Protein backbone atom coordinates (compact mmCIF):
# COMPACT_ATOMS: atom_id res chain seq x y z
CA CYS A 1 -3.43 60.11 38.79
CA TYR A 2 -5.53 63.13 39.58
CA ALA A 3 -8.96 63.52 41.10
CA LEU A 4 -11.56 66.08 40.14
CA CYS A 5 -13.54 66.54 43.31
CA GLU A 6 -17.25 67.05 43.07
CA VAL A 7 -17.29 66.56 46.82
CA SER A 8 -13.81 66.68 48.35
CA SER A 9 -12.79 64.70 51.37
CA MET A 10 -11.50 66.90 54.17
CA GLY A 11 -7.93 65.69 53.60
CA ASP A 12 -8.08 66.69 49.93
CA THR A 13 -9.76 69.99 50.72
CA PHE A 14 -6.83 71.12 52.83
CA GLY A 15 -4.14 70.02 50.38
CA PRO A 16 -2.74 71.44 47.13
CA LYS A 17 -5.31 71.69 44.35
CA SER A 18 -6.25 73.42 41.12
CA LEU A 19 -9.37 75.58 41.23
CA CYS A 20 -11.76 76.73 38.50
CA HIS A 21 -15.13 78.51 38.72
CA ASP A 22 -18.00 76.38 37.43
CA ILE A 23 -19.44 79.26 35.37
CA ASN A 24 -17.11 81.71 33.66
CA ALA A 25 -16.37 83.52 30.41
CA ARG A 26 -13.22 81.45 29.89
CA PRO A 27 -12.23 78.55 32.16
CA VAL A 28 -9.04 79.36 34.03
CA PHE A 29 -7.44 76.77 36.29
CA VAL A 30 -5.25 78.16 39.07
CA VAL A 31 -2.95 76.42 41.53
CA GLU A 32 -3.83 76.73 45.20
CA GLY A 33 -0.76 75.14 46.73
CA THR A 34 -1.19 76.10 50.38
CA GLY A 35 -4.34 74.14 51.13
CA GLN A 36 -5.72 77.18 52.97
CA LEU A 37 -8.52 77.95 50.49
CA VAL A 38 -11.59 75.75 50.74
CA PRO A 39 -13.60 75.56 47.49
CA ARG A 40 -17.28 76.43 47.63
CA HIS A 41 -20.09 74.83 45.67
CA SER A 42 -19.42 77.04 42.62
CA VAL A 43 -15.79 75.95 42.24
CA SER A 44 -14.35 72.72 40.84
CA ASP A 45 -11.09 71.50 42.32
CA ILE A 46 -8.56 69.04 40.94
CA VAL A 47 -6.44 67.31 43.56
CA PRO A 48 -3.10 65.80 42.52
CA ARG A 49 -1.91 62.52 43.93
CA ASP A 50 1.58 63.88 43.24
CA PRO A 51 1.51 67.55 44.26
CA SER A 52 4.77 68.19 42.39
CA GLN A 53 2.84 67.87 39.10
CA MET A 54 0.16 70.45 40.00
CA GLN A 55 1.66 73.35 38.05
CA ASN A 56 2.25 71.17 34.97
CA LEU A 57 -1.35 69.96 35.07
CA CYS A 58 -2.68 73.51 35.47
CA ASP A 59 -0.51 74.68 32.58
CA TYR A 60 -2.04 71.95 30.41
CA LEU A 61 -5.62 72.72 31.56
CA ASN A 62 -5.11 76.36 30.52
CA THR A 63 -3.97 75.55 26.96
CA GLU A 64 -5.86 76.50 23.82
CA GLU A 65 -6.33 72.77 23.16
CA VAL A 66 -8.27 72.29 26.40
CA HIS A 67 -10.13 75.59 25.93
CA GLY A 68 -11.25 74.43 22.48
CA TRP A 69 -12.37 71.07 23.85
CA LEU A 70 -14.34 72.72 26.65
CA LYS A 71 -15.86 75.21 24.19
CA ALA A 72 -17.08 72.30 22.06
CA HIS A 73 -18.47 70.25 24.96
CA CYS A 74 -19.71 72.61 27.69
CA GLN A 75 -23.23 73.95 27.98
CA ARG A 76 -23.56 77.71 27.96
CA ALA A 77 -24.94 79.91 30.71
CA ALA A 78 -26.12 83.53 30.39
CA ASN A 79 -23.92 85.82 28.31
CA ASP A 80 -22.45 82.75 26.57
CA PHE A 81 -20.41 81.85 29.68
CA PHE A 82 -19.08 78.30 30.01
CA ARG A 83 -20.93 75.99 32.40
CA LEU A 84 -18.37 73.45 33.63
CA GLN A 85 -20.33 70.41 34.74
CA SER A 86 -19.00 67.17 36.18
CA HIS A 87 -20.42 65.04 33.34
CA VAL A 88 -18.37 67.12 30.86
CA LEU A 89 -15.21 67.41 32.95
CA LYS A 90 -15.12 63.65 33.46
CA ARG A 91 -14.67 63.23 29.67
CA LEU A 92 -11.85 65.77 29.37
CA PRO A 93 -8.92 64.07 27.64
CA VAL A 94 -5.74 64.31 29.70
CA PRO A 95 -2.26 63.42 28.37
CA PRO A 96 -0.84 60.12 29.61
CA GLU A 97 1.93 61.83 31.58
CA PHE A 98 -0.74 62.98 34.06
CA VAL A 99 -2.73 59.76 34.40
CA THR A 100 -2.31 56.07 33.74
CA THR A 101 -4.82 56.28 30.87
CA PRO A 102 -5.51 59.27 28.59
CA GLN A 103 -9.22 59.39 29.45
CA LEU A 104 -10.59 60.08 32.93
CA SER A 105 -13.84 58.76 34.32
CA TRP A 106 -15.90 59.09 37.51
CA HIS A 107 -15.31 56.71 40.37
CA GLY A 108 -17.93 57.54 42.96
CA SER A 109 -17.85 61.29 43.48
CA ARG A 110 -14.23 61.60 42.39
CA LEU A 111 -12.57 61.64 39.02
CA ALA A 112 -10.01 58.87 38.68
CA SER A 113 -8.19 57.13 35.87
CA ALA A 114 -10.41 54.80 33.83
């Protein structure tokens, strides 16, 4: 399973993660595998339970399929930028190879399998 951290625990903050700005022209998820970058309030981070799957998850999150889904579900900010909000990201469909169920949902402040 994977966790989308609205508020990361310190252990997760300093581990491998995928990062994406909350407001951007096109959402781009990047791997931060060193654990040296600490996300700020304007960045969403996805923390893998199995760090070996981080690149595969990021590759999926950057597909046209996910971009289309986000385009259809995200609010827009100035200049038609995407506004990635937790209530939208928690509904993002994820293939079963990444989680135990294809839909993710919030569990406290962290995204976990439903």
